[in-house]
Amino acid sequence: MLCWFMRNYKDMKPPLPIRNFVLAEATLNFCNLAIDVFKFAEPRPEKLSLELTLEDMTENGVPCTLSSAPDNGPHYHRWKGNTRSAPSDPISSAYLLDFASADAEIAAFQLVGGLYLKFGFNLDEVPYKHRGADAEDRISTDTLFVRPQQ
């Protein structure tokens, strides 16, 4: 799923590129779901620990790659940005949040950002990131989905 529609079908040799759009969207959806489910827990948790792990990060011994350029637009073959290879297998990122003030967008950024750090990027290179009014970095549906020009 993470490498969906990324293969050059004329030259199908490794490495597999990870779709950062799929990674960010699936992580945001998971964070929303986890927070919504635990609202019904009795007793309600004080903290919630989330973890994002990528496993099987090689194909034929070649590490998968991740790009700093958003890959959610119609011109995916023209992406700019840096590409880095997976440094190890598995790769994990964790985030502990206070449940009372849980924000899925911030949690998604922390988890995806943690993976980007493991790939050797800095947090300013995480695609779909924006700074909210509260000065917190986040990933949201507004930054994930390309809106048609009016």
N, C-alpha and C. Protein backbone atom coordinates (compact mmCIF):
# COMPACT_ATOMS: atom_id res chain seq x y z
N MET A 1 0.82 -1.19 0.00
CA MET A 1 0.00 0.00 0.00
C MET A 1 0.87 1.26 0.00
N LEU A 2 1.94 1.29 0.79
CA LEU A 2 2.75 2.50 0.86
C LEU A 2 3.48 2.81 -0.45
N CYS A 3 3.65 1.82 -1.29
CA CYS A 3 4.35 2.04 -2.56
C CYS A 3 3.37 2.03 -3.73
N TRP A 4 2.10 2.16 -3.46
CA TRP A 4 1.05 2.12 -4.47
C TRP A 4 1.31 3.12 -5.59
N PHE A 5 1.19 2.66 -6.82
CA PHE A 5 1.27 3.48 -8.03
C PHE A 5 2.56 4.28 -8.13
N MET A 6 3.64 3.70 -7.69
CA MET A 6 4.90 4.42 -7.72
C MET A 6 5.93 3.75 -8.61
N ARG A 7 5.63 2.60 -9.11
CA ARG A 7 6.61 1.84 -9.85
C ARG A 7 6.73 2.32 -11.28
N ASN A 8 7.92 2.40 -11.77
CA ASN A 8 8.14 2.64 -13.18
C ASN A 8 7.94 1.29 -13.86
N TYR A 9 6.82 1.11 -14.53
CA TYR A 9 6.48 -0.20 -15.08
C TYR A 9 7.33 -0.59 -16.29
N LYS A 10 8.08 0.34 -16.83
CA LYS A 10 8.98 0.01 -17.94
C LYS A 10 10.32 -0.50 -17.42
N ASP A 11 10.64 -0.18 -16.18
CA ASP A 11 11.92 -0.57 -15.58
C ASP A 11 11.67 -0.91 -14.11
N MET A 12 11.15 -2.11 -13.85
CA MET A 12 10.68 -2.48 -12.51
C MET A 12 11.77 -3.03 -11.61
N LYS A 13 12.86 -2.32 -11.49
CA LYS A 13 13.89 -2.78 -10.57
C LYS A 13 13.84 -1.94 -9.29
N PRO A 14 14.38 -2.48 -8.20
CA PRO A 14 14.35 -1.75 -6.93
C PRO A 14 15.13 -0.44 -7.04
N PRO A 15 14.91 0.48 -6.16
CA PRO A 15 14.16 0.37 -4.91
C PRO A 15 12.69 0.74 -5.08
N LEU A 16 11.89 0.32 -4.11
CA LEU A 16 10.50 0.73 -4.06
C LEU A 16 10.41 2.09 -3.37
N PRO A 17 9.80 3.09 -3.99
CA PRO A 17 9.61 4.38 -3.33
C PRO A 17 8.34 4.38 -2.48
N ILE A 18 8.45 4.87 -1.28
CA ILE A 18 7.31 4.96 -0.37
C ILE A 18 6.50 6.20 -0.74
N ARG A 19 5.20 6.05 -0.89
CA ARG A 19 4.32 7.20 -1.16
C ARG A 19 4.12 7.97 0.14
N ASN A 20 4.68 9.16 0.21
CA ASN A 20 4.54 9.93 1.45
C ASN A 20 3.11 10.42 1.66
N PHE A 21 2.34 10.56 0.58
CA PHE A 21 0.93 10.92 0.73
C PHE A 21 0.19 9.81 1.46
N VAL A 22 0.38 8.56 1.04
CA VAL A 22 -0.30 7.43 1.67
C VAL A 22 0.15 7.29 3.12
N LEU A 23 1.44 7.44 3.36
CA LEU A 23 1.98 7.38 4.71
C LEU A 23 1.32 8.43 5.61
N ALA A 24 1.28 9.67 5.15
CA ALA A 24 0.72 10.76 5.96
C ALA A 24 -0.79 10.60 6.15
N GLU A 25 -1.52 10.25 5.09
CA GLU A 25 -2.97 10.12 5.20
C GLU A 25 -3.35 8.94 6.11
N ALA A 26 -2.71 7.80 5.94
CA ALA A 26 -3.02 6.64 6.78
C ALA A 26 -2.69 6.92 8.25
N THR A 27 -1.60 7.63 8.48
CA THR A 27 -1.22 7.97 9.86
C THR A 27 -2.23 8.93 10.48
N LEU A 28 -2.63 9.95 9.74
CA LEU A 28 -3.64 10.89 10.24
C LEU A 28 -4.95 10.17 10.53
N ASN A 29 -5.39 9.29 9.63
CA ASN A 29 -6.64 8.55 9.86
C ASN A 29 -6.52 7.64 11.08
N PHE A 30 -5.37 6.99 11.25
CA PHE A 30 -5.17 6.15 12.42
C PHE A 30 -5.23 6.98 13.71
N CYS A 31 -4.58 8.13 13.72
CA CYS A 31 -4.59 8.98 14.92
C CYS A 31 -6.01 9.43 15.26
N ASN A 32 -6.77 9.83 14.24
CA ASN A 32 -8.17 10.20 14.47
C ASN A 32 -8.96 9.04 15.04
N LEU A 33 -8.78 7.85 14.47
CA LEU A 33 -9.50 6.67 14.94
C LEU A 33 -9.12 6.32 16.38
N ALA A 34 -7.84 6.32 16.68
CA ALA A 34 -7.39 5.97 18.04
C ALA A 34 -7.98 6.92 19.07
N ILE A 35 -7.94 8.21 18.78
CA ILE A 35 -8.49 9.20 19.72
C ILE A 35 -9.99 9.01 19.87
N ASP A 36 -10.70 8.80 18.75
CA ASP A 36 -12.15 8.61 18.82
C ASP A 36 -12.53 7.35 19.59
N VAL A 37 -11.82 6.25 19.39
CA VAL A 37 -12.12 5.00 20.08
C VAL A 37 -11.90 5.14 21.59
N PHE A 38 -10.78 5.76 21.98
CA PHE A 38 -10.47 5.86 23.40
C PHE A 38 -11.34 6.88 24.14
N LYS A 39 -12.14 7.66 23.43
CA LYS A 39 -13.11 8.54 24.09
C LYS A 39 -14.17 7.72 24.82
N PHE A 40 -14.35 6.48 24.38
CA PHE A 40 -15.36 5.61 24.98
C PHE A 40 -14.78 4.68 26.04
N ALA A 41 -13.50 4.75 26.30
CA ALA A 41 -12.86 3.87 27.28
C ALA A 41 -13.27 4.28 28.70
N GLU A 42 -13.47 3.30 29.52
CA GLU A 42 -13.76 3.53 30.94
C GLU A 42 -12.73 2.76 31.75
N PRO A 43 -11.92 3.41 32.53
CA PRO A 43 -11.79 4.86 32.65
C PRO A 43 -11.06 5.44 31.42
N ARG A 44 -11.30 6.68 31.20
CA ARG A 44 -10.66 7.35 30.07
C ARG A 44 -9.17 7.51 30.37
N PRO A 45 -8.32 7.23 29.38
CA PRO A 45 -6.87 7.30 29.64
C PRO A 45 -6.38 8.73 29.84
N GLU A 46 -5.32 8.86 30.62
CA GLU A 46 -4.67 10.17 30.76
C GLU A 46 -3.70 10.40 29.61
N LYS A 47 -3.05 9.34 29.17
CA LYS A 47 -2.05 9.40 28.10
C LYS A 47 -2.41 8.36 27.05
N LEU A 48 -1.96 8.60 25.84
CA LEU A 48 -2.14 7.64 24.76
C LEU A 48 -0.80 7.53 24.03
N SER A 49 -0.30 6.32 23.92
CA SER A 49 0.98 6.07 23.27
C SER A 49 0.70 5.50 21.87
N LEU A 50 1.21 6.18 20.87
CA LEU A 50 1.03 5.77 19.48
C LEU A 50 2.38 5.41 18.89
N GLU A 51 2.40 4.40 18.03
CA GLU A 51 3.64 4.00 17.38
C GLU A 51 3.38 3.72 15.91
N LEU A 52 4.31 4.14 15.07
CA LEU A 52 4.26 3.90 13.63
C LEU A 52 5.52 3.13 13.26
N THR A 53 5.35 1.95 12.69
CA THR A 53 6.49 1.10 12.34
C THR A 53 6.40 0.67 10.89
N LEU A 54 7.50 0.79 10.18
CA LEU A 54 7.62 0.28 8.81
C LEU A 54 8.53 -0.94 8.85
N GLU A 55 8.04 -2.05 8.32
CA GLU A 55 8.82 -3.29 8.29
C GLU A 55 9.01 -3.74 6.84
N ASP A 56 9.92 -4.71 6.67
CA ASP A 56 10.22 -5.24 5.33
C ASP A 56 10.58 -4.10 4.38
N MET A 57 11.59 -3.36 4.75
CA MET A 57 11.97 -2.14 4.04
C MET A 57 12.98 -2.36 2.92
N THR A 58 13.07 -3.58 2.42
CA THR A 58 13.96 -3.83 1.29
C THR A 58 13.24 -4.66 0.23
N GLU A 59 13.70 -4.54 -0.98
CA GLU A 59 13.26 -5.39 -2.08
C GLU A 59 14.51 -5.90 -2.77
N ASN A 60 14.67 -7.20 -2.78
CA ASN A 60 15.88 -7.81 -3.35
C ASN A 60 17.14 -7.22 -2.73
N GLY A 61 17.09 -6.93 -1.42
CA GLY A 61 18.24 -6.40 -0.71
C GLY A 61 18.46 -4.91 -0.87
N VAL A 62 17.60 -4.22 -1.63
CA VAL A 62 17.74 -2.78 -1.85
C VAL A 62 16.74 -2.05 -0.97
N PRO A 63 17.19 -1.10 -0.12
CA PRO A 63 16.28 -0.39 0.77
C PRO A 63 15.25 0.47 0.02
N CYS A 64 14.04 0.52 0.55
CA CYS A 64 13.01 1.41 0.02
C CYS A 64 13.46 2.86 0.21
N THR A 65 12.86 3.77 -0.55
CA THR A 65 13.22 5.17 -0.47
C THR A 65 12.02 6.01 -0.05
N LEU A 66 12.33 7.19 0.48
CA LEU A 66 11.32 8.15 0.92
C LEU A 66 11.75 9.52 0.42
N SER A 67 10.78 10.31 -0.04
CA SER A 67 11.08 11.63 -0.61
C SER A 67 10.53 12.74 0.26
N SER A 68 11.18 13.90 0.20
CA SER A 68 10.70 15.08 0.92
C SER A 68 9.71 15.88 0.09
N ALA A 69 9.52 15.53 -1.17
CA ALA A 69 8.58 16.26 -2.03
C ALA A 69 7.20 15.63 -1.94
N PRO A 70 6.15 16.43 -1.79
CA PRO A 70 4.80 15.87 -1.77
C PRO A 70 4.53 15.08 -3.05
N ASP A 71 3.90 13.91 -2.89
CA ASP A 71 3.59 13.10 -4.06
C ASP A 71 2.08 12.94 -4.26
N ASN A 72 1.33 13.96 -3.86
CA ASN A 72 -0.13 13.88 -3.94
C ASN A 72 -0.72 14.58 -5.14
N GLY A 73 0.08 15.17 -5.99
CA GLY A 73 -0.45 15.93 -7.12
C GLY A 73 -0.53 15.13 -8.40
N PRO A 74 -1.12 15.74 -9.41
CA PRO A 74 -1.29 15.04 -10.69
C PRO A 74 0.02 14.85 -11.46
N HIS A 75 1.05 15.56 -11.11
CA HIS A 75 2.31 15.48 -11.84
C HIS A 75 3.38 14.80 -10.99
N TYR A 76 3.06 13.60 -10.48
CA TYR A 76 3.97 12.91 -9.57
C TYR A 76 5.33 12.64 -10.19
N HIS A 77 5.42 12.57 -11.50
CA HIS A 77 6.70 12.30 -12.15
C HIS A 77 7.62 13.51 -12.19
N ARG A 78 7.14 14.67 -11.75
CA ARG A 78 7.95 15.89 -11.75
C ARG A 78 8.35 16.34 -10.35
N TRP A 79 8.26 15.46 -9.39
CA TRP A 79 8.55 15.84 -8.01
C TRP A 79 9.97 16.35 -7.87
N LYS A 80 10.12 17.30 -7.01
CA LYS A 80 11.43 17.80 -6.61
C LYS A 80 11.69 17.30 -5.19
N GLY A 81 12.73 17.77 -4.59
CA GLY A 81 13.01 17.38 -3.21
C GLY A 81 14.09 16.33 -3.14
N ASN A 82 14.38 15.91 -1.94
CA ASN A 82 15.42 14.91 -1.69
C ASN A 82 14.80 13.53 -1.49
N THR A 83 15.56 12.51 -1.84
CA THR A 83 15.15 11.13 -1.64
C THR A 83 16.23 10.44 -0.82
N ARG A 84 15.79 9.69 0.19
CA ARG A 84 16.73 8.97 1.05
C ARG A 84 16.31 7.51 1.15
N SER A 85 17.28 6.65 1.37
CA SER A 85 17.03 5.22 1.52
C SER A 85 16.75 4.86 2.97
N ALA A 86 15.95 3.83 3.17
CA ALA A 86 15.65 3.34 4.51
C ALA A 86 16.96 2.95 5.20
N PRO A 87 17.20 3.45 6.41
CA PRO A 87 18.46 3.18 7.09
C PRO A 87 18.53 1.81 7.78
N SER A 88 17.37 1.22 8.05
CA SER A 88 17.34 -0.04 8.79
C SER A 88 15.99 -0.70 8.58
N ASP A 89 15.80 -1.80 9.25
CA ASP A 89 14.54 -2.51 9.16
C ASP A 89 14.31 -3.23 10.48
N PRO A 90 13.26 -3.00 11.20
CA PRO A 90 12.19 -2.04 10.95
C PRO A 90 12.58 -0.61 11.38
N ILE A 91 11.73 0.33 10.99
CA ILE A 91 11.90 1.73 11.36
C ILE A 91 10.65 2.13 12.15
N SER A 92 10.85 2.70 13.33
CA SER A 92 9.71 3.05 14.19
C SER A 92 9.79 4.49 14.66
N SER A 93 8.61 5.02 14.93
CA SER A 93 8.46 6.34 15.52
C SER A 93 7.34 6.24 16.54
N ALA A 94 7.50 6.87 17.69
CA ALA A 94 6.49 6.81 18.74
C ALA A 94 6.16 8.22 19.24
N TYR A 95 4.94 8.37 19.75
CA TYR A 95 4.51 9.66 20.28
C TYR A 95 3.55 9.40 21.44
N LEU A 96 3.82 10.07 22.56
CA LEU A 96 2.97 9.98 23.74
C LEU A 96 2.21 11.28 23.87
N LEU A 97 0.88 11.19 23.88
CA LEU A 97 0.09 12.43 23.96
C LEU A 97 -0.79 12.43 25.19
N ASP A 98 -1.06 13.64 25.68
CA ASP A 98 -2.02 13.82 26.76
C ASP A 98 -3.41 13.67 26.17
N PHE A 99 -4.19 12.73 26.69
CA PHE A 99 -5.47 12.44 26.07
C PHE A 99 -6.44 13.61 26.17
N ALA A 100 -6.40 14.35 27.26
CA ALA A 100 -7.35 15.46 27.44
C ALA A 100 -7.21 16.51 26.35
N SER A 101 -6.01 16.69 25.84
CA SER A 101 -5.78 17.70 24.78
C SER A 101 -5.33 17.05 23.48
N ALA A 102 -5.70 15.79 23.27
CA ALA A 102 -5.24 15.03 22.10
C ALA A 102 -5.64 15.71 20.80
N ASP A 103 -4.69 15.83 19.91
CA ASP A 103 -4.91 16.43 18.59
C ASP A 103 -4.32 15.48 17.55
N ALA A 104 -5.17 14.88 16.73
CA ALA A 104 -4.73 13.89 15.74
C ALA A 104 -3.76 14.49 14.72
N GLU A 105 -3.93 15.74 14.36
CA GLU A 105 -3.05 16.37 13.37
C GLU A 105 -1.63 16.53 13.91
N ILE A 106 -1.51 16.91 15.16
CA ILE A 106 -0.19 17.04 15.79
C ILE A 106 0.43 15.65 15.96
N ALA A 107 -0.37 14.69 16.41
CA ALA A 107 0.14 13.32 16.58
C ALA A 107 0.63 12.76 15.24
N ALA A 108 -0.12 12.98 14.17
CA ALA A 108 0.28 12.49 12.85
C ALA A 108 1.62 13.10 12.43
N PHE A 109 1.78 14.40 12.65
CA PHE A 109 3.06 15.03 12.31
C PHE A 109 4.19 14.44 13.14
N GLN A 110 3.97 14.25 14.42
CA GLN A 110 5.02 13.72 15.28
C GLN A 110 5.45 12.32 14.83
N LEU A 111 4.48 11.48 14.46
CA LEU A 111 4.80 10.12 14.03
C LEU A 111 5.51 10.10 12.66
N VAL A 112 4.94 10.81 11.70
CA VAL A 112 5.55 10.86 10.36
C VAL A 112 6.89 11.58 10.44
N GLY A 113 6.94 12.67 11.19
CA GLY A 113 8.20 13.41 11.36
C GLY A 113 9.28 12.55 11.99
N GLY A 114 8.90 11.71 12.95
CA GLY A 114 9.87 10.80 13.56
C GLY A 114 10.46 9.84 12.55
N LEU A 115 9.65 9.35 11.62
CA LEU A 115 10.18 8.48 10.56
C LEU A 115 11.11 9.25 9.64
N TYR A 116 10.72 10.47 9.29
CA TYR A 116 11.58 11.29 8.43
C TYR A 116 12.94 11.54 9.07
N LEU A 117 12.94 11.76 10.38
CA LEU A 117 14.22 11.93 11.08
C LEU A 117 15.07 10.66 10.95
N LYS A 118 14.45 9.51 11.07
CA LYS A 118 15.20 8.24 10.95
C LYS A 118 15.76 8.05 9.54
N PHE A 119 15.10 8.60 8.55
CA PHE A 119 15.59 8.53 7.17
C PHE A 119 16.68 9.58 6.91
N GLY A 120 16.94 10.44 7.89
CA GLY A 120 17.99 11.44 7.74
C GLY A 120 17.52 12.80 7.28
N PHE A 121 16.23 13.02 7.24
CA PHE A 121 15.68 14.34 6.90
C PHE A 121 15.60 15.19 8.16
N ASN A 122 15.36 16.48 8.01
CA ASN A 122 15.03 17.30 9.17
C ASN A 122 13.53 17.57 9.13
N LEU A 123 12.98 18.06 10.21
CA LEU A 123 11.53 18.22 10.31
C LEU A 123 10.96 19.25 9.34
N ASP A 124 11.79 20.18 8.87
CA ASP A 124 11.31 21.14 7.88
C ASP A 124 11.09 20.51 6.52
N GLU A 125 11.60 19.29 6.31
CA GLU A 125 11.45 18.61 5.03
C GLU A 125 10.26 17.66 4.98
N VAL A 126 9.49 17.57 6.05
CA VAL A 126 8.34 16.67 6.08
C VAL A 126 7.23 17.26 5.20
N PRO A 127 6.81 16.52 4.16
CA PRO A 127 5.74 17.06 3.31
C PRO A 127 4.41 17.11 4.05
N TYR A 128 3.54 18.02 3.62
CA TYR A 128 2.19 18.22 4.15
C TYR A 128 2.18 18.86 5.53
N LYS A 129 3.33 19.30 6.01
CA LYS A 129 3.43 19.94 7.32
C LYS A 129 2.98 21.39 7.20
N HIS A 130 2.26 21.83 8.19
CA HIS A 130 1.99 23.26 8.33
C HIS A 130 1.94 23.60 9.81
N ARG A 131 2.20 24.84 10.11
CA ARG A 131 2.19 25.29 11.49
C ARG A 131 0.82 25.88 11.78
N GLY A 132 0.18 25.35 12.83
CA GLY A 132 -1.15 25.82 13.21
C GLY A 132 -1.09 27.14 13.97
N ALA A 133 -2.26 27.69 14.25
CA ALA A 133 -2.35 28.95 14.99
C ALA A 133 -1.74 28.80 16.38
N ASP A 134 -1.68 27.58 16.89
CA ASP A 134 -1.10 27.31 18.20
C ASP A 134 0.42 27.11 18.13
N ALA A 135 1.02 27.36 16.96
CA ALA A 135 2.46 27.23 16.71
C ALA A 135 2.93 25.78 16.74
N GLU A 136 2.02 24.82 16.65
CA GLU A 136 2.36 23.41 16.61
C GLU A 136 2.38 22.94 15.15
N ASP A 137 3.39 22.15 14.80
CA ASP A 137 3.42 21.55 13.47
C ASP A 137 2.39 20.44 13.41
N ARG A 138 1.75 20.32 12.25
CA ARG A 138 0.68 19.34 12.09
C ARG A 138 0.56 18.89 10.64
N ILE A 139 -0.10 17.77 10.45
CA ILE A 139 -0.50 17.29 9.13
C ILE A 139 -2.02 17.24 9.15
N SER A 140 -2.65 17.85 8.17
CA SER A 140 -4.11 17.90 8.14
C SER A 140 -4.62 17.57 6.74
N THR A 141 -5.93 17.35 6.66
CA THR A 141 -6.52 17.10 5.34
C THR A 141 -6.35 18.31 4.43
N ASP A 142 -6.28 19.50 4.99
CA ASP A 142 -6.07 20.70 4.17
C ASP A 142 -4.73 20.69 3.47
N THR A 143 -3.72 20.11 4.09
CA THR A 143 -2.41 20.06 3.46
C THR A 143 -2.21 18.80 2.62
N LEU A 144 -3.00 17.77 2.88
CA LEU A 144 -2.87 16.52 2.13
C LEU A 144 -3.50 16.57 0.75
N PHE A 145 -4.63 17.22 0.64
CA PHE A 145 -5.40 17.13 -0.59
C PHE A 145 -5.24 18.39 -1.44
N VAL A 146 -4.89 18.17 -2.69
CA VAL A 146 -4.72 19.27 -3.65
C VAL A 146 -6.09 19.77 -4.02
N ARG A 147 -6.29 21.06 -3.85
CA ARG A 147 -7.57 21.67 -4.19
C ARG A 147 -7.47 22.30 -5.58
N PRO A 148 -8.51 22.14 -6.40
CA PRO A 148 -8.47 22.77 -7.73
C PRO A 148 -8.41 24.29 -7.60
N GLN A 149 -7.69 24.91 -8.50
CA GLN A 149 -7.60 26.38 -8.51
C GLN A 149 -8.96 26.97 -8.91
N GLN A 150 -9.36 27.99 -8.22
CA GLN A 150 -10.65 28.66 -8.50
C GLN A 150 -10.52 29.66 -9.60
